[in-house]
Amino acid sequence: MKTEVFLVRHGETEWNKLGRFQGSTDLELSEEGIKQARCLQKRFKGDFDYIFCSPLKRAFQTASIICENIEKEPIIVDEITEINFGAWEGLTLDEIKKKYPKDLYAWRTDEINGPFTGGELSTRNASIRAKNAIYDIINKYQGSKILIVAHGGIIKAGLIGLYNWRMNMYQNLNLNNTAVTHLIFKDSPYPVIMSFNDTSHLSK
């Protein structure tokens, strides 16, 4: 039985524009983010069975816009909220380099845990949480077409968990705002990646 999953990153926020780590900080979409979410709505046109989202405003707003004018509503799943980056939240990468150089180096290079300063403590913890949340959803809704609207960090962590990649693979994955990653779960223990970081809807 084939189950289709579309992992969707939320639209842009003001902190995205500034390059700040957001993590669990609860920010709304910017005007541009709202426009991007409307492009997602036009892309999917209600062609899915279920839509799940993180409880954070930027993800819920994106999911709600996708659901405009259709008889579906986003289902909030706490386990797909963004990674809590602890002391790094609100800082740019340059600021983290200055304040936490050793911690940043460990996060970028450690293959086993990917530790960081406070919050969720490691990429590994986030990867386990995200993988379990994705499998919980697909096990309950097998054979469905599912949208999961979440965050760049937790989607990347989820992919790491699903494929048992090393933790510093996080640094080699890029997801733009409203990027869509399409997975198909079938017979293999690993889903097939049909597309990754697809933002073609933004150019239409």
C-alpha atoms as a PDB file:
ATOM      1  CA  MET A   1       0.000   0.000   0.000  1.00  0.00           C
ATOM      2  CA  LYS A   2       1.435   3.357  -1.055  1.00  0.00           C
ATOM      3  CA  THR A   3       1.337   6.330   1.296  1.00  0.00           C
ATOM      4  CA  GLU A   4       2.385   9.717  -0.063  1.00  0.00           C
ATOM      5  CA  VAL A   5       3.857  12.306   2.288  1.00  0.00           C
ATOM      6  CA  PHE A   6       4.672  15.906   1.420  1.00  0.00           C
ATOM      7  CA  LEU A   7       6.941  17.574   3.985  1.00  0.00           C
ATOM      8  CA  VAL A   8       6.338  21.312   3.617  1.00  0.00           C
ATOM      9  CA  ARG A   9       8.361  24.079   5.224  1.00  0.00           C
ATOM     10  CA  HIS A  10       6.406  27.144   6.365  1.00  0.00           C
ATOM     11  CA  GLY A  11       6.499  30.508   4.602  1.00  0.00           C
ATOM     12  CA  GLU A  12       8.975  33.266   5.335  1.00  0.00           C
ATOM     13  CA  THR A  13       9.126  35.166   8.644  1.00  0.00           C
ATOM     14  CA  GLU A  14      10.980  38.359   9.524  1.00  0.00           C
ATOM     15  CA  TRP A  15      13.670  36.313  11.304  1.00  0.00           C
ATOM     16  CA  ASN A  16      14.136  34.192   8.188  1.00  0.00           C
ATOM     17  CA  LYS A  17      14.948  37.375   6.288  1.00  0.00           C
ATOM     18  CA  LEU A  18      17.466  38.366   8.959  1.00  0.00           C
ATOM     19  CA  GLY A  19      19.055  34.928   9.107  1.00  0.00           C
ATOM     20  CA  ARG A  20      18.204  34.397  12.784  1.00  0.00           C
ATOM     21  CA  PHE A  21      17.768  30.973  14.373  1.00  0.00           C
ATOM     22  CA  GLN A  22      14.050  30.753  15.231  1.00  0.00           C
ATOM     23  CA  GLY A  23      13.644  27.339  16.787  1.00  0.00           C
ATOM     24  CA  SER A  24      10.777  27.322  19.267  1.00  0.00           C
ATOM     25  CA  THR A  25      10.352  31.111  19.125  1.00  0.00           C
ATOM     26  CA  ASP A  26       6.783  31.618  17.916  1.00  0.00           C
ATOM     27  CA  LEU A  27       6.779  34.093  15.034  1.00  0.00           C
ATOM     28  CA  GLU A  28       4.106  34.827  12.435  1.00  0.00           C
ATOM     29  CA  LEU A  29       4.560  34.866   8.673  1.00  0.00           C
ATOM     30  CA  SER A  30       5.821  38.006   7.000  1.00  0.00           C
ATOM     31  CA  GLU A  31       3.852  39.534   4.133  1.00  0.00           C
ATOM     32  CA  GLU A  32       6.116  37.649   1.757  1.00  0.00           C
ATOM     33  CA  GLY A  33       5.513  34.452   3.736  1.00  0.00           C
ATOM     34  CA  ILE A  34       1.762  34.843   3.300  1.00  0.00           C
ATOM     35  CA  LYS A  35       2.235  35.248  -0.461  1.00  0.00           C
ATOM     36  CA  GLN A  36       4.408  32.128  -0.534  1.00  0.00           C
ATOM     37  CA  ALA A  37       1.770  30.145   1.365  1.00  0.00           C
ATOM     38  CA  ARG A  38      -0.860  31.209  -1.184  1.00  0.00           C
ATOM     39  CA  CYS A  39       1.388  29.757  -3.882  1.00  0.00           C
ATOM     40  CA  LEU A  40       1.298  26.464  -1.981  1.00  0.00           C
ATOM     41  CA  GLN A  41      -2.498  26.655  -1.867  1.00  0.00           C
ATOM     42  CA  LYS A  42      -2.578  27.028  -5.647  1.00  0.00           C
ATOM     43  CA  ARG A  43      -0.102  24.168  -6.022  1.00  0.00           C
ATOM     44  CA  PHE A  44      -2.018  21.583  -4.008  1.00  0.00           C
ATOM     45  CA  LYS A  45      -5.582  22.796  -4.738  1.00  0.00           C
ATOM     46  CA  GLY A  46      -6.930  20.598  -1.965  1.00  0.00           C
ATOM     47  CA  ASP A  47      -5.531  17.462  -3.599  1.00  0.00           C
ATOM     48  CA  PHE A  48      -4.640  15.639  -0.386  1.00  0.00           C
ATOM     49  CA  ASP A  49      -6.450  13.613   2.241  1.00  0.00           C
ATOM     50  CA  TYR A  50      -5.019  15.014   5.487  1.00  0.00           C
ATOM     51  CA  ILE A  51      -2.909  17.965   6.531  1.00  0.00           C
ATOM     52  CA  PHE A  52      -0.916  18.086   9.752  1.00  0.00           C
ATOM     53  CA  CYS A  53       1.095  20.979  11.127  1.00  0.00           C
ATOM     54  CA  SER A  54       3.309  22.177  13.920  1.00  0.00           C
ATOM     55  CA  PRO A  55       1.587  24.242  16.637  1.00  0.00           C
ATOM     56  CA  LEU A  56       3.858  27.240  15.992  1.00  0.00           C
ATOM     57  CA  LYS A  57       2.134  30.209  14.316  1.00  0.00           C
ATOM     58  CA  ARG A  58       4.214  30.250  11.140  1.00  0.00           C
ATOM     59  CA  ALA A  59       3.428  26.613  10.376  1.00  0.00           C
ATOM     60  CA  PHE A  60      -0.231  26.816  11.387  1.00  0.00           C
ATOM     61  CA  GLN A  61      -0.715  29.964   9.271  1.00  0.00           C
ATOM     62  CA  THR A  62       0.860  28.264   6.268  1.00  0.00           C
ATOM     63  CA  ALA A  63      -1.315  25.169   6.700  1.00  0.00           C
ATOM     64  CA  SER A  64      -4.449  27.276   7.189  1.00  0.00           C
ATOM     65  CA  ILE A  65      -3.799  29.167   3.954  1.00  0.00           C
ATOM     66  CA  ILE A  66      -3.300  25.863   2.105  1.00  0.00           C
ATOM     67  CA  CYS A  67      -6.740  24.848   3.409  1.00  0.00           C
ATOM     68  CA  GLU A  68      -8.568  27.999   2.312  1.00  0.00           C
ATOM     69  CA  ASN A  69     -11.784  27.315   0.378  1.00  0.00           C
ATOM     70  CA  ILE A  70     -11.648  23.551   0.923  1.00  0.00           C
ATOM     71  CA  GLU A  71     -13.349  21.305   3.477  1.00  0.00           C
ATOM     72  CA  LYS A  72     -10.167  20.336   5.278  1.00  0.00           C
ATOM     73  CA  GLU A  73      -8.521  21.762   8.381  1.00  0.00           C
ATOM     74  CA  PRO A  74      -4.965  21.444   9.700  1.00  0.00           C
ATOM     75  CA  ILE A  75      -4.454  18.931  12.492  1.00  0.00           C
ATOM     76  CA  ILE A  76      -1.888  20.166  15.020  1.00  0.00           C
ATOM     77  CA  VAL A  77       0.824  17.685  16.018  1.00  0.00           C
ATOM     78  CA  ASP A  78       3.058  18.924  18.827  1.00  0.00           C
ATOM     79  CA  GLU A  79       5.817  16.442  17.958  1.00  0.00           C
ATOM     80  CA  ILE A  80       6.587  18.189  14.661  1.00  0.00           C
ATOM     81  CA  THR A  81       7.270  21.578  16.222  1.00  0.00           C
ATOM     82  CA  GLU A  82      10.621  23.105  15.337  1.00  0.00           C
ATOM     83  CA  ILE A  83      13.838  22.108  17.098  1.00  0.00           C
ATOM     84  CA  ASN A  84      14.394  24.083  20.291  1.00  0.00           C
ATOM     85  CA  PHE A  85      17.845  25.591  19.763  1.00  0.00           C
ATOM     86  CA  GLY A  86      18.126  26.921  23.295  1.00  0.00           C
ATOM     87  CA  ALA A  87      20.691  29.710  23.705  1.00  0.00           C
ATOM     88  CA  TRP A  88      21.104  30.074  19.937  1.00  0.00           C
ATOM     89  CA  GLU A  89      17.566  31.243  19.277  1.00  0.00           C
ATOM     90  CA  GLY A  90      17.363  34.818  18.036  1.00  0.00           C
ATOM     91  CA  LEU A  91      21.020  34.848  17.011  1.00  0.00           C
ATOM     92  CA  THR A  92      22.493  34.905  13.528  1.00  0.00           C
ATOM     93  CA  LEU A  93      25.098  32.354  12.533  1.00  0.00           C
ATOM     94  CA  ASP A  94      27.840  34.990  12.823  1.00  0.00           C
ATOM     95  CA  GLU A  95      26.715  35.814  16.364  1.00  0.00           C
ATOM     96  CA  ILE A  96      26.726  32.120  17.301  1.00  0.00           C
ATOM     97  CA  LYS A  97      30.242  31.792  15.881  1.00  0.00           C
ATOM     98  CA  LYS A  98      31.423  34.598  18.160  1.00  0.00           C
ATOM     99  CA  LYS A  99      29.589  33.510  21.333  1.00  0.00           C
ATOM    100  CA  TYR A 100      29.683  29.709  21.034  1.00  0.00           C
ATOM    101  CA  PRO A 101      32.508  28.770  18.632  1.00  0.00           C
ATOM    102  CA  LYS A 102      33.312  25.381  20.199  1.00  0.00           C
ATOM    103  CA  ASP A 103      29.662  24.390  20.514  1.00  0.00           C
ATOM    104  CA  LEU A 104      28.966  25.399  16.922  1.00  0.00           C
ATOM    105  CA  TYR A 105      31.936  23.381  15.689  1.00  0.00           C
ATOM    106  CA  ALA A 106      30.719  20.310  17.600  1.00  0.00           C
ATOM    107  CA  TRP A 107      27.207  20.651  16.169  1.00  0.00           C
ATOM    108  CA  ARG A 108      28.532  20.938  12.641  1.00  0.00           C
ATOM    109  CA  THR A 109      31.000  18.050  12.817  1.00  0.00           C
ATOM    110  CA  ASP A 110      29.725  15.472  15.322  1.00  0.00           C
ATOM    111  CA  GLU A 111      28.271  12.463  13.494  1.00  0.00           C
ATOM    112  CA  ILE A 112      26.669  10.704  16.464  1.00  0.00           C
ATOM    113  CA  ASN A 113      24.682  13.349  18.361  1.00  0.00           C
ATOM    114  CA  GLY A 114      25.101  16.804  16.800  1.00  0.00           C
ATOM    115  CA  PRO A 115      25.019  18.583  20.202  1.00  0.00           C
ATOM    116  CA  PHE A 116      24.083  22.229  20.655  1.00  0.00           C
ATOM    117  CA  THR A 117      23.661  24.691  23.514  1.00  0.00           C
ATOM    118  CA  GLY A 118      20.516  24.058  25.556  1.00  0.00           C
ATOM    119  CA  GLY A 119      16.994  23.477  24.294  1.00  0.00           C
ATOM    120  CA  GLU A 120      16.609  20.076  22.668  1.00  0.00           C
ATOM    121  CA  LEU A 121      20.347  19.489  23.242  1.00  0.00           C
ATOM    122  CA  SER A 122      21.101  17.632  20.009  1.00  0.00           C
ATOM    123  CA  THR A 123      20.127  16.924  16.430  1.00  0.00           C
ATOM    124  CA  ARG A 124      19.811  13.261  17.440  1.00  0.00           C
ATOM    125  CA  ASN A 125      17.037  14.031  19.922  1.00  0.00           C
ATOM    126  CA  ALA A 126      15.171  16.012  17.271  1.00  0.00           C
ATOM    127  CA  SER A 127      15.668  13.294  14.642  1.00  0.00           C
ATOM    128  CA  ILE A 128      14.151  10.624  16.883  1.00  0.00           C
ATOM    129  CA  ARG A 129      11.167  12.841  17.711  1.00  0.00           C
ATOM    130  CA  ALA A 130      10.533  13.757  14.078  1.00  0.00           C
ATOM    131  CA  LYS A 131      10.942  10.214  12.732  1.00  0.00           C
ATOM    132  CA  ASN A 132       8.536   8.830  15.331  1.00  0.00           C
ATOM    133  CA  ALA A 133       5.981  11.554  14.576  1.00  0.00           C
ATOM    134  CA  ILE A 134       6.112  10.869  10.822  1.00  0.00           C
ATOM    135  CA  TYR A 135       5.729   7.119  11.313  1.00  0.00           C
ATOM    136  CA  ASP A 136       2.848   7.635  13.770  1.00  0.00           C
ATOM    137  CA  ILE A 137       1.015   9.641  11.121  1.00  0.00           C
ATOM    138  CA  ILE A 138       1.612   7.256   8.200  1.00  0.00           C
ATOM    139  CA  ASN A 139       0.752   4.190  10.300  1.00  0.00           C
ATOM    140  CA  LYS A 140      -2.618   5.711  11.190  1.00  0.00           C
ATOM    141  CA  TYR A 141      -3.388   6.940   7.677  1.00  0.00           C
ATOM    142  CA  GLN A 142      -1.907   4.316   5.386  1.00  0.00           C
ATOM    143  CA  GLY A 143      -2.779   4.656   1.724  1.00  0.00           C
ATOM    144  CA  SER A 144      -3.436   8.376   2.053  1.00  0.00           C
ATOM    145  CA  LYS A 145      -1.954  11.509   0.556  1.00  0.00           C
ATOM    146  CA  ILE A 146      -0.637  13.510   3.491  1.00  0.00           C
ATOM    147  CA  LEU A 147       0.755  17.024   3.931  1.00  0.00           C
ATOM    148  CA  ILE A 148       2.948  17.757   6.959  1.00  0.00           C
ATOM    149  CA  VAL A 149       3.601  21.485   7.355  1.00  0.00           C
ATOM    150  CA  ALA A 150       6.521  22.072   9.668  1.00  0.00           C
ATOM    151  CA  HIS A 151       9.949  23.700   9.824  1.00  0.00           C
ATOM    152  CA  GLY A 152      13.266  23.453   8.029  1.00  0.00           C
ATOM    153  CA  GLY A 153      15.136  22.125  11.033  1.00  0.00           C
ATOM    154  CA  ILE A 154      12.696  19.439  12.106  1.00  0.00           C
ATOM    155  CA  ILE A 155      12.117  18.282   8.505  1.00  0.00           C
ATOM    156  CA  LYS A 156      15.860  17.862   8.008  1.00  0.00           C
ATOM    157  CA  ALA A 157      16.110  16.068  11.348  1.00  0.00           C
ATOM    158  CA  GLY A 158      13.201  13.842  10.321  1.00  0.00           C
ATOM    159  CA  LEU A 159      14.950  12.841   7.109  1.00  0.00           C
ATOM    160  CA  ILE A 160      18.103  12.046   9.075  1.00  0.00           C
ATOM    161  CA  GLY A 161      16.032   9.826  11.367  1.00  0.00           C
ATOM    162  CA  LEU A 162      14.138   8.112   8.549  1.00  0.00           C
ATOM    163  CA  TYR A 163      17.321   7.193   6.681  1.00  0.00           C
ATOM    164  CA  ASN A 164      19.661   6.685   9.642  1.00  0.00           C
ATOM    165  CA  TRP A 165      22.056   9.289   8.291  1.00  0.00           C
ATOM    166  CA  ARG A 166      24.906  10.674  10.371  1.00  0.00           C
ATOM    167  CA  MET A 167      23.893  13.731  12.378  1.00  0.00           C
ATOM    168  CA  ASN A 168      26.131  16.219  10.568  1.00  0.00           C
ATOM    169  CA  MET A 169      24.181  15.511   7.359  1.00  0.00           C
ATOM    170  CA  TYR A 170      21.988  18.284   8.764  1.00  0.00           C
ATOM    171  CA  GLN A 171      24.587  20.760   7.496  1.00  0.00           C
ATOM    172  CA  ASN A 172      24.379  19.353   3.951  1.00  0.00           C
ATOM    173  CA  LEU A 173      20.630  19.786   3.521  1.00  0.00           C
ATOM    174  CA  ASN A 174      18.941  23.034   2.541  1.00  0.00           C
ATOM    175  CA  LEU A 175      15.225  23.770   2.618  1.00  0.00           C
ATOM    176  CA  ASN A 176      13.894  27.110   1.440  1.00  0.00           C
ATOM    177  CA  ASN A 177      10.671  28.643   2.701  1.00  0.00           C
ATOM    178  CA  THR A 178       7.622  26.658   1.471  1.00  0.00           C
ATOM    179  CA  ALA A 179       9.932  23.991  -0.002  1.00  0.00           C
ATOM    180  CA  VAL A 180       8.174  20.679  -0.616  1.00  0.00           C
ATOM    181  CA  THR A 181       9.825  17.305  -0.095  1.00  0.00           C
ATOM    182  CA  HIS A 182       7.809  14.427  -1.550  1.00  0.00           C
ATOM    183  CA  LEU A 183       8.201  10.938  -0.050  1.00  0.00           C
ATOM    184  CA  ILE A 184       6.509   7.668  -0.922  1.00  0.00           C
ATOM    185  CA  PHE A 185       6.249   4.953   1.725  1.00  0.00           C
ATOM    186  CA  LYS A 186       5.609   1.495   0.296  1.00  0.00           C
ATOM    187  CA  ASP A 187       7.316  -1.851   0.858  1.00  0.00           C
ATOM    188  CA  SER A 188      10.863  -0.759   1.688  1.00  0.00           C
ATOM    189  CA  PRO A 189      11.712   0.285   5.265  1.00  0.00           C
ATOM    190  CA  TYR A 190      12.968   3.524   3.732  1.00  0.00           C
ATOM    191  CA  PRO A 191      10.670   5.878   1.817  1.00  0.00           C
ATOM    192  CA  VAL A 192      11.506   6.849  -1.750  1.00  0.00           C
ATOM    193  CA  ILE A 193      12.437  10.521  -2.166  1.00  0.00           C
ATOM    194  CA  MET A 194      10.515  11.774  -5.196  1.00  0.00           C
ATOM    195  CA  SER A 195      11.601  15.408  -4.803  1.00  0.00           C
ATOM    196  CA  PHE A 196      13.502  17.576  -2.333  1.00  0.00           C
ATOM    197  CA  ASN A 197      13.444  21.332  -1.670  1.00  0.00           C
ATOM    198  CA  ASP A 198      10.952  21.884  -4.501  1.00  0.00           C
ATOM    199  CA  THR A 199       9.882  25.539  -4.707  1.00  0.00           C
ATOM    200  CA  SER A 200       8.682  25.501  -8.321  1.00  0.00           C
ATOM    201  CA  HIS A 201       5.302  26.872  -7.161  1.00  0.00           C
ATOM    202  CA  LEU A 202       6.958  30.203  -6.287  1.00  0.00           C
ATOM    203  CA  SER A 203       7.915  30.870  -9.917  1.00  0.00           C
ATOM    204  CA  LYS A 204       4.438  30.429 -11.346  1.00  0.00           C
END
